[in-house]
Amino acid sequence: MKDILLKSLVIIPVIAFVDYLIMILVGCTSCLFGFKDNFYECTFCTIGKIVLVASVLTFLVIIFKDTMSLFNNKKQVC
């Protein structure tokens, strides 16, 4: 269980940093192409929500796989 906690403490900041970089790239690219303010009110937020949901799902899948392997190993030992 300690391994899952340590992995969570490493993965969460990495995922947050990658999300931050993705949103910076989207913002810079949209500014470069000259999108209007309406883009930042609607589309940018939608892209941010999609990136955030994808990150949370990725984190949950990683932790779920580790948890299942932990429980499978305990069943084999007993």
PDB file of N, CA and C in Angstrom:
ATOM      1  N   MET A   1       0.819  -1.188   0.000  1.00  0.00           N
ATOM      2  CA  MET A   1       0.000   0.000   0.000  1.00  0.00           C
ATOM      3  C   MET A   1       0.867   1.257   0.000  1.00  0.00           C
ATOM      4  N   LYS A   2       2.042   1.164   0.607  1.00  0.00           N
ATOM      5  CA  LYS A   2       2.959   2.295   0.646  1.00  0.00           C
ATOM      6  C   LYS A   2       3.432   2.646  -0.768  1.00  0.00           C
ATOM      7  N   ASP A   3       3.591   1.624  -1.624  1.00  0.00           N
ATOM      8  CA  ASP A   3       4.024   1.875  -2.997  1.00  0.00           C
ATOM      9  C   ASP A   3       2.989   2.685  -3.767  1.00  0.00           C
ATOM     10  N   ILE A   4       1.727   2.394  -3.543  1.00  0.00           N
ATOM     11  CA  ILE A   4       0.667   3.120  -4.236  1.00  0.00           C
ATOM     12  C   ILE A   4       0.644   4.574  -3.785  1.00  0.00           C
ATOM     13  N   LEU A   5       0.843   4.804  -2.510  1.00  0.00           N
ATOM     14  CA  LEU A   5       0.868   6.172  -1.992  1.00  0.00           C
ATOM     15  C   LEU A   5       2.057   6.941  -2.547  1.00  0.00           C
ATOM     16  N   LEU A   6       3.225   6.314  -2.582  1.00  0.00           N
ATOM     17  CA  LEU A   6       4.404   6.980  -3.143  1.00  0.00           C
ATOM     18  C   LEU A   6       4.229   7.266  -4.630  1.00  0.00           C
ATOM     19  N   LYS A   7       3.656   6.310  -5.342  1.00  0.00           N
ATOM     20  CA  LYS A   7       3.417   6.510  -6.766  1.00  0.00           C
ATOM     21  C   LYS A   7       2.434   7.660  -6.974  1.00  0.00           C
ATOM     22  N   SER A   8       1.432   7.763  -6.117  1.00  0.00           N
ATOM     23  CA  SER A   8       0.468   8.860  -6.222  1.00  0.00           C
ATOM     24  C   SER A   8       1.140  10.202  -5.972  1.00  0.00           C
ATOM     25  N   LEU A   9       2.046  10.244  -5.007  1.00  0.00           N
ATOM     26  CA  LEU A   9       2.733  11.493  -4.696  1.00  0.00           C
ATOM     27  C   LEU A   9       3.656  11.938  -5.823  1.00  0.00           C
ATOM     28  N   VAL A  10       4.069  11.020  -6.672  1.00  0.00           N
ATOM     29  CA  VAL A  10       4.915  11.373  -7.809  1.00  0.00           C
ATOM     30  C   VAL A  10       4.076  11.653  -9.046  1.00  0.00           C
ATOM     31  N   ILE A  11       3.051  10.852  -9.273  1.00  0.00           N
ATOM     32  CA  ILE A  11       2.273  10.957 -10.506  1.00  0.00           C
ATOM     33  C   ILE A  11       1.400  12.208 -10.536  1.00  0.00           C
ATOM     34  N   ILE A  12       0.788  12.565  -9.424  1.00  0.00           N
ATOM     35  CA  ILE A  12      -0.126  13.713  -9.419  1.00  0.00           C
ATOM     36  C   ILE A  12       0.579  15.016  -9.821  1.00  0.00           C
ATOM     37  N   PRO A  13       1.748  15.345  -9.271  1.00  0.00           N
ATOM     38  CA  PRO A  13       2.417  16.574  -9.733  1.00  0.00           C
ATOM     39  C   PRO A  13       2.864  16.500 -11.191  1.00  0.00           C
ATOM     40  N   VAL A  14       3.274  15.337 -11.642  1.00  0.00           N
ATOM     41  CA  VAL A  14       3.687  15.197 -13.043  1.00  0.00           C
ATOM     42  C   VAL A  14       2.491  15.427 -13.966  1.00  0.00           C
ATOM     43  N   ILE A  15       1.352  14.833 -13.639  1.00  0.00           N
ATOM     44  CA  ILE A  15       0.152  15.016 -14.455  1.00  0.00           C
ATOM     45  C   ILE A  15      -0.284  16.485 -14.432  1.00  0.00           C
ATOM     46  N   ALA A  16      -0.235  17.123 -13.269  1.00  0.00           N
ATOM     47  CA  ALA A  16      -0.615  18.541 -13.182  1.00  0.00           C
ATOM     48  C   ALA A  16       0.321  19.410 -14.020  1.00  0.00           C
ATOM     49  N   PHE A  17       1.610  19.110 -14.003  1.00  0.00           N
ATOM     50  CA  PHE A  17       2.573  19.876 -14.793  1.00  0.00           C
ATOM     51  C   PHE A  17       2.330  19.688 -16.288  1.00  0.00           C
ATOM     52  N   VAL A  18       2.060  18.459 -16.704  1.00  0.00           N
ATOM     53  CA  VAL A  18       1.787  18.188 -18.120  1.00  0.00           C
ATOM     54  C   VAL A  18       0.506  18.894 -18.549  1.00  0.00           C
ATOM     55  N   ASP A  19      -0.523  18.866 -17.708  1.00  0.00           N
ATOM     56  CA  ASP A  19      -1.761  19.590 -18.014  1.00  0.00           C
ATOM     57  C   ASP A  19      -1.489  21.079 -18.177  1.00  0.00           C
ATOM     58  N   TYR A  20      -0.695  21.618 -17.293  1.00  0.00           N
ATOM     59  CA  TYR A  20      -0.343  23.039 -17.340  1.00  0.00           C
ATOM     60  C   TYR A  20       0.380  23.357 -18.654  1.00  0.00           C
ATOM     61  N   LEU A  21       1.322  22.511 -19.037  1.00  0.00           N
ATOM     62  CA  LEU A  21       2.047  22.731 -20.299  1.00  0.00           C
ATOM     63  C   LEU A  21       1.120  22.636 -21.507  1.00  0.00           C
ATOM     64  N   ILE A  22       0.207  21.689 -21.493  1.00  0.00           N
ATOM     65  CA  ILE A  22      -0.736  21.545 -22.605  1.00  0.00           C
ATOM     66  C   ILE A  22      -1.590  22.800 -22.740  1.00  0.00           C
ATOM     67  N   MET A  23      -2.072  23.301 -21.610  1.00  0.00           N
ATOM     68  CA  MET A  23      -2.919  24.494 -21.666  1.00  0.00           C
ATOM     69  C   MET A  23      -2.114  25.732 -22.080  1.00  0.00           C
ATOM     70  N   ILE A  24      -0.847  25.795 -21.694  1.00  0.00           N
ATOM     71  CA  ILE A  24       0.006  26.899 -22.150  1.00  0.00           C
ATOM     72  C   ILE A  24       0.184  26.824 -23.661  1.00  0.00           C
ATOM     73  N   LEU A  25       0.440  25.625 -24.179  1.00  0.00           N
ATOM     74  CA  LEU A  25       0.608  25.464 -25.622  1.00  0.00           C
ATOM     75  C   LEU A  25      -0.665  25.817 -26.384  1.00  0.00           C
ATOM     76  N   VAL A  26      -1.816  25.416 -25.863  1.00  0.00           N
ATOM     77  CA  VAL A  26      -3.083  25.759 -26.509  1.00  0.00           C
ATOM     78  C   VAL A  26      -3.284  27.270 -26.494  1.00  0.00           C
ATOM     79  N   GLY A  27      -3.004  27.900 -25.365  1.00  0.00           N
ATOM     80  CA  GLY A  27      -3.161  29.356 -25.270  1.00  0.00           C
ATOM     81  C   GLY A  27      -2.217  30.112 -26.181  1.00  0.00           C
ATOM     82  N   CYS A  28      -0.964  29.697 -26.220  1.00  0.00           N
ATOM     83  CA  CYS A  28       0.014  30.367 -27.086  1.00  0.00           C
ATOM     84  C   CYS A  28      -0.314  30.166 -28.561  1.00  0.00           C
ATOM     85  N   THR A  29      -0.742  28.963 -28.895  1.00  0.00           N
ATOM     86  CA  THR A  29      -1.099  28.677 -30.285  1.00  0.00           C
ATOM     87  C   THR A  29      -2.315  29.487 -30.706  1.00  0.00           C
ATOM     88  N   SER A  30      -3.291  29.584 -29.827  1.00  0.00           N
ATOM     89  CA  SER A  30      -4.484  30.355 -30.177  1.00  0.00           C
ATOM     90  C   SER A  30      -4.155  31.842 -30.312  1.00  0.00           C
ATOM     91  N   CYS A  31      -3.263  32.325 -29.503  1.00  0.00           N
ATOM     92  CA  CYS A  31      -2.847  33.723 -29.612  1.00  0.00           C
ATOM     93  C   CYS A  31      -2.069  33.946 -30.910  1.00  0.00           C
ATOM     94  N   LEU A  32      -1.235  32.978 -31.264  1.00  0.00           N
ATOM     95  CA  LEU A  32      -0.453  33.069 -32.493  1.00  0.00           C
ATOM     96  C   LEU A  32      -1.357  33.122 -33.721  1.00  0.00           C
ATOM     97  N   PHE A  33      -2.432  32.333 -33.709  1.00  0.00           N
ATOM     98  CA  PHE A  33      -3.352  32.316 -34.843  1.00  0.00           C
ATOM     99  C   PHE A  33      -4.397  33.424 -34.774  1.00  0.00           C
ATOM    100  N   GLY A  34      -4.382  34.211 -33.714  1.00  0.00           N
ATOM    101  CA  GLY A  34      -5.237  35.387 -33.629  1.00  0.00           C
ATOM    102  C   GLY A  34      -6.687  35.099 -33.295  1.00  0.00           C
ATOM    103  N   PHE A  35      -6.939  34.102 -32.472  1.00  0.00           N
ATOM    104  CA  PHE A  35      -8.318  33.834 -32.072  1.00  0.00           C
ATOM    105  C   PHE A  35      -8.838  34.984 -31.212  1.00  0.00           C
ATOM    106  N   LYS A  36     -10.129  35.177 -31.273  1.00  0.00           N
ATOM    107  CA  LYS A  36     -10.755  36.291 -30.544  1.00  0.00           C
ATOM    108  C   LYS A  36     -11.014  35.918 -29.093  1.00  0.00           C
ATOM    109  N   ASP A  37     -11.536  36.873 -28.317  1.00  0.00           N
ATOM    110  CA  ASP A  37     -11.815  36.663 -26.896  1.00  0.00           C
ATOM    111  C   ASP A  37     -12.865  35.583 -26.666  1.00  0.00           C
ATOM    112  N   ASN A  38     -13.730  35.364 -27.613  1.00  0.00           N
ATOM    113  CA  ASN A  38     -14.766  34.343 -27.477  1.00  0.00           C
ATOM    114  C   ASN A  38     -14.139  32.949 -27.339  1.00  0.00           C
ATOM    115  N   PHE A  39     -12.987  32.743 -27.947  1.00  0.00           N
ATOM    116  CA  PHE A  39     -12.293  31.460 -27.834  1.00  0.00           C
ATOM    117  C   PHE A  39     -11.944  31.171 -26.378  1.00  0.00           C
ATOM    118  N   TYR A  40     -11.465  32.185 -25.664  1.00  0.00           N
ATOM    119  CA  TYR A  40     -11.050  31.988 -24.280  1.00  0.00           C
ATOM    120  C   TYR A  40     -12.240  31.849 -23.332  1.00  0.00           C
ATOM    121  N   GLU A  41     -13.396  32.343 -23.722  1.00  0.00           N
ATOM    122  CA  GLU A  41     -14.585  32.227 -22.880  1.00  0.00           C
ATOM    123  C   GLU A  41     -15.234  30.856 -22.992  1.00  0.00           C
ATOM    124  N   CYS A  42     -15.118  30.226 -24.121  1.00  0.00           N
ATOM    125  CA  CYS A  42     -15.876  28.998 -24.345  1.00  0.00           C
ATOM    126  C   CYS A  42     -14.981  27.812 -24.713  1.00  0.00           C
ATOM    127  N   THR A  43     -14.303  27.901 -25.813  1.00  0.00           N
ATOM    128  CA  THR A  43     -13.539  26.772 -26.341  1.00  0.00           C
ATOM    129  C   THR A  43     -12.350  26.424 -25.459  1.00  0.00           C
ATOM    130  N   PHE A  44     -11.635  27.415 -24.978  1.00  0.00           N
ATOM    131  CA  PHE A  44     -10.467  27.172 -24.137  1.00  0.00           C
ATOM    132  C   PHE A  44     -10.865  26.420 -22.865  1.00  0.00           C
ATOM    133  N   CYS A  45     -11.996  26.808 -22.275  1.00  0.00           N
ATOM    134  CA  CYS A  45     -12.479  26.126 -21.065  1.00  0.00           C
ATOM    135  C   CYS A  45     -12.877  24.688 -21.369  1.00  0.00           C
ATOM    136  N   THR A  46     -13.476  24.466 -22.523  1.00  0.00           N
ATOM    137  CA  THR A  46     -13.858  23.111 -22.919  1.00  0.00           C
ATOM    138  C   THR A  46     -12.618  22.241 -23.107  1.00  0.00           C
ATOM    139  N   ILE A  47     -11.596  22.787 -23.748  1.00  0.00           N
ATOM    140  CA  ILE A  47     -10.346  22.042 -23.919  1.00  0.00           C
ATOM    141  C   ILE A  47      -9.731  21.746 -22.554  1.00  0.00           C
ATOM    142  N   GLY A  48      -9.754  22.707 -21.659  1.00  0.00           N
ATOM    143  CA  GLY A  48      -9.221  22.506 -20.307  1.00  0.00           C
ATOM    144  C   GLY A  48      -9.956  21.414 -19.556  1.00  0.00           C
ATOM    145  N   LYS A  49     -11.276  21.383 -19.687  1.00  0.00           N
ATOM    146  CA  LYS A  49     -12.070  20.346 -19.024  1.00  0.00           C
ATOM    147  C   LYS A  49     -11.752  18.965 -19.586  1.00  0.00           C
ATOM    148  N   ILE A  50     -11.596  18.877 -20.899  1.00  0.00           N
ATOM    149  CA  ILE A  50     -11.267  17.595 -21.533  1.00  0.00           C
ATOM    150  C   ILE A  50      -9.899  17.108 -21.068  1.00  0.00           C
ATOM    151  N   VAL A  51      -8.925  18.000 -21.026  1.00  0.00           N
ATOM    152  CA  VAL A  51      -7.572  17.633 -20.577  1.00  0.00           C
ATOM    153  C   VAL A  51      -7.604  17.187 -19.122  1.00  0.00           C
ATOM    154  N   LEU A  52      -8.351  17.903 -18.285  1.00  0.00           N
ATOM    155  CA  LEU A  52      -8.444  17.565 -16.868  1.00  0.00           C
ATOM    156  C   LEU A  52      -9.113  16.205 -16.661  1.00  0.00           C
ATOM    157  N   VAL A  53     -10.204  15.943 -17.371  1.00  0.00           N
ATOM    158  CA  VAL A  53     -10.897  14.650 -17.238  1.00  0.00           C
ATOM    159  C   VAL A  53     -10.008  13.514 -17.729  1.00  0.00           C
ATOM    160  N   ALA A  54      -9.305  13.727 -18.841  1.00  0.00           N
ATOM    161  CA  ALA A  54      -8.396  12.691 -19.347  1.00  0.00           C
ATOM    162  C   ALA A  54      -7.278  12.405 -18.349  1.00  0.00           C
ATOM    163  N   SER A  55      -6.776  13.434 -17.694  1.00  0.00           N
ATOM    164  CA  SER A  55      -5.722  13.250 -16.700  1.00  0.00           C
ATOM    165  C   SER A  55      -6.221  12.490 -15.479  1.00  0.00           C
ATOM    166  N   VAL A  56      -7.407  12.845 -15.007  1.00  0.00           N
ATOM    167  CA  VAL A  56      -7.972  12.154 -13.845  1.00  0.00           C
ATOM    168  C   VAL A  56      -8.236  10.692 -14.171  1.00  0.00           C
ATOM    169  N   LEU A  57      -8.784  10.432 -15.357  1.00  0.00           N
ATOM    170  CA  LEU A  57      -9.031   9.036 -15.755  1.00  0.00           C
ATOM    171  C   LEU A  57      -7.733   8.249 -15.881  1.00  0.00           C
ATOM    172  N   THR A  58      -6.705   8.866 -16.426  1.00  0.00           N
ATOM    173  CA  THR A  58      -5.403   8.203 -16.532  1.00  0.00           C
ATOM    174  C   THR A  58      -4.856   7.867 -15.146  1.00  0.00           C
ATOM    175  N   PHE A  59      -4.952   8.818 -14.230  1.00  0.00           N
ATOM    176  CA  PHE A  59      -4.487   8.579 -12.863  1.00  0.00           C
ATOM    177  C   PHE A  59      -5.273   7.447 -12.206  1.00  0.00           C
ATOM    178  N   LEU A  60      -6.583   7.461 -12.369  1.00  0.00           N
ATOM    179  CA  LEU A  60      -7.402   6.413 -11.759  1.00  0.00           C
ATOM    180  C   LEU A  60      -7.099   5.031 -12.329  1.00  0.00           C
ATOM    181  N   VAL A  61      -6.852   4.954 -13.624  1.00  0.00           N
ATOM    182  CA  VAL A  61      -6.499   3.667 -14.241  1.00  0.00           C
ATOM    183  C   VAL A  61      -5.162   3.166 -13.702  1.00  0.00           C
ATOM    184  N   ILE A  62      -4.192   4.045 -13.571  1.00  0.00           N
ATOM    185  CA  ILE A  62      -2.882   3.640 -13.052  1.00  0.00           C
ATOM    186  C   ILE A  62      -3.007   3.130 -11.621  1.00  0.00           C
ATOM    187  N   ILE A  63      -3.720   3.865 -10.787  1.00  0.00           N
ATOM    188  CA  ILE A  63      -3.878   3.461  -9.390  1.00  0.00           C
ATOM    189  C   ILE A  63      -4.723   2.190  -9.279  1.00  0.00           C
ATOM    190  N   PHE A  64      -5.753   2.064 -10.117  1.00  0.00           N
ATOM    191  CA  PHE A  64      -6.595   0.869 -10.087  1.00  0.00           C
ATOM    192  C   PHE A  64      -5.784  -0.375 -10.443  1.00  0.00           C
ATOM    193  N   LYS A  65      -4.941  -0.285 -11.464  1.00  0.00           N
ATOM    194  CA  LYS A  65      -4.098  -1.427 -11.843  1.00  0.00           C
ATOM    195  C   LYS A  65      -3.151  -1.814 -10.716  1.00  0.00           C
ATOM    196  N   ASP A  66      -2.560  -0.830 -10.065  1.00  0.00           N
ATOM    197  CA  ASP A  66      -1.656  -1.129  -8.950  1.00  0.00           C
ATOM    198  C   ASP A  66      -2.406  -1.755  -7.782  1.00  0.00           C
ATOM    199  N   THR A  67      -3.594  -1.251  -7.500  1.00  0.00           N
ATOM    200  CA  THR A  67      -4.389  -1.796  -6.400  1.00  0.00           C
ATOM    201  C   THR A  67      -4.799  -3.237  -6.697  1.00  0.00           C
ATOM    202  N   MET A  68      -5.209  -3.491  -7.916  1.00  0.00           N
ATOM    203  CA  MET A  68      -5.609  -4.856  -8.278  1.00  0.00           C
ATOM    204  C   MET A  68      -4.427  -5.816  -8.225  1.00  0.00           C
ATOM    205  N   SER A  69      -3.266  -5.384  -8.656  1.00  0.00           N
ATOM    206  CA  SER A  69      -2.090  -6.256  -8.587  1.00  0.00           C
ATOM    207  C   SER A  69      -1.687  -6.502  -7.134  1.00  0.00           C
ATOM    208  N   LEU A  70      -1.883  -5.514  -6.270  1.00  0.00           N
ATOM    209  CA  LEU A  70      -1.593  -5.675  -4.850  1.00  0.00           C
ATOM    210  C   LEU A  70      -2.520  -6.729  -4.231  1.00  0.00           C
ATOM    211  N   PHE A  71      -3.802  -6.647  -4.545  1.00  0.00           N
ATOM    212  CA  PHE A  71      -4.745  -7.616  -3.995  1.00  0.00           C
ATOM    213  C   PHE A  71      -4.543  -9.012  -4.579  1.00  0.00           C
ATOM    214  N   ASN A  72      -4.162  -9.093  -5.854  1.00  0.00           N
ATOM    215  CA  ASN A  72      -3.884 -10.398  -6.466  1.00  0.00           C
ATOM    216  C   ASN A  72      -2.654 -11.058  -5.837  1.00  0.00           C
ATOM    217  N   ASN A  73      -1.649 -10.263  -5.510  1.00  0.00           N
ATOM    218  CA  ASN A  73      -0.453 -10.812  -4.866  1.00  0.00           C
ATOM    219  C   ASN A  73      -0.754 -11.294  -3.462  1.00  0.00           C
ATOM    220  N   LYS A  74      -1.628 -10.608  -2.751  1.00  0.00           N
ATOM    221  CA  LYS A  74      -1.996 -11.042  -1.385  1.00  0.00           C
ATOM    222  C   LYS A  74      -2.786 -12.331  -1.423  1.00  0.00           C
ATOM    223  N   LYS A  75      -3.622 -12.520  -2.431  1.00  0.00           N
ATOM    224  CA  LYS A  75      -4.402 -13.748  -2.550  1.00  0.00           C
ATOM    225  C   LYS A  75      -3.480 -14.934  -2.851  1.00  0.00           C
ATOM    226  N   GLN A  76      -2.442 -14.734  -3.637  1.00  0.00           N
ATOM    227  CA  GLN A  76      -1.530 -15.812  -4.000  1.00  0.00           C
ATOM    228  C   GLN A  76      -0.656 -16.220  -2.819  1.00  0.00           C
ATOM    229  N   VAL A  77      -0.326 -15.288  -1.960  1.00  0.00           N
ATOM    230  CA  VAL A  77       0.531 -15.583  -0.821  1.00  0.00           C
ATOM    231  C   VAL A  77      -0.215 -16.427   0.216  1.00  0.00           C
ATOM    232  N   CYS A  78      -1.480 -16.118   0.441  1.00  0.00           N
ATOM    233  CA  CYS A  78      -2.269 -16.828   1.461  1.00  0.00           C
ATOM    234  C   CYS A  78      -2.550 -18.202   1.041  1.00  0.00           C
TER     235      CYS A  78
END
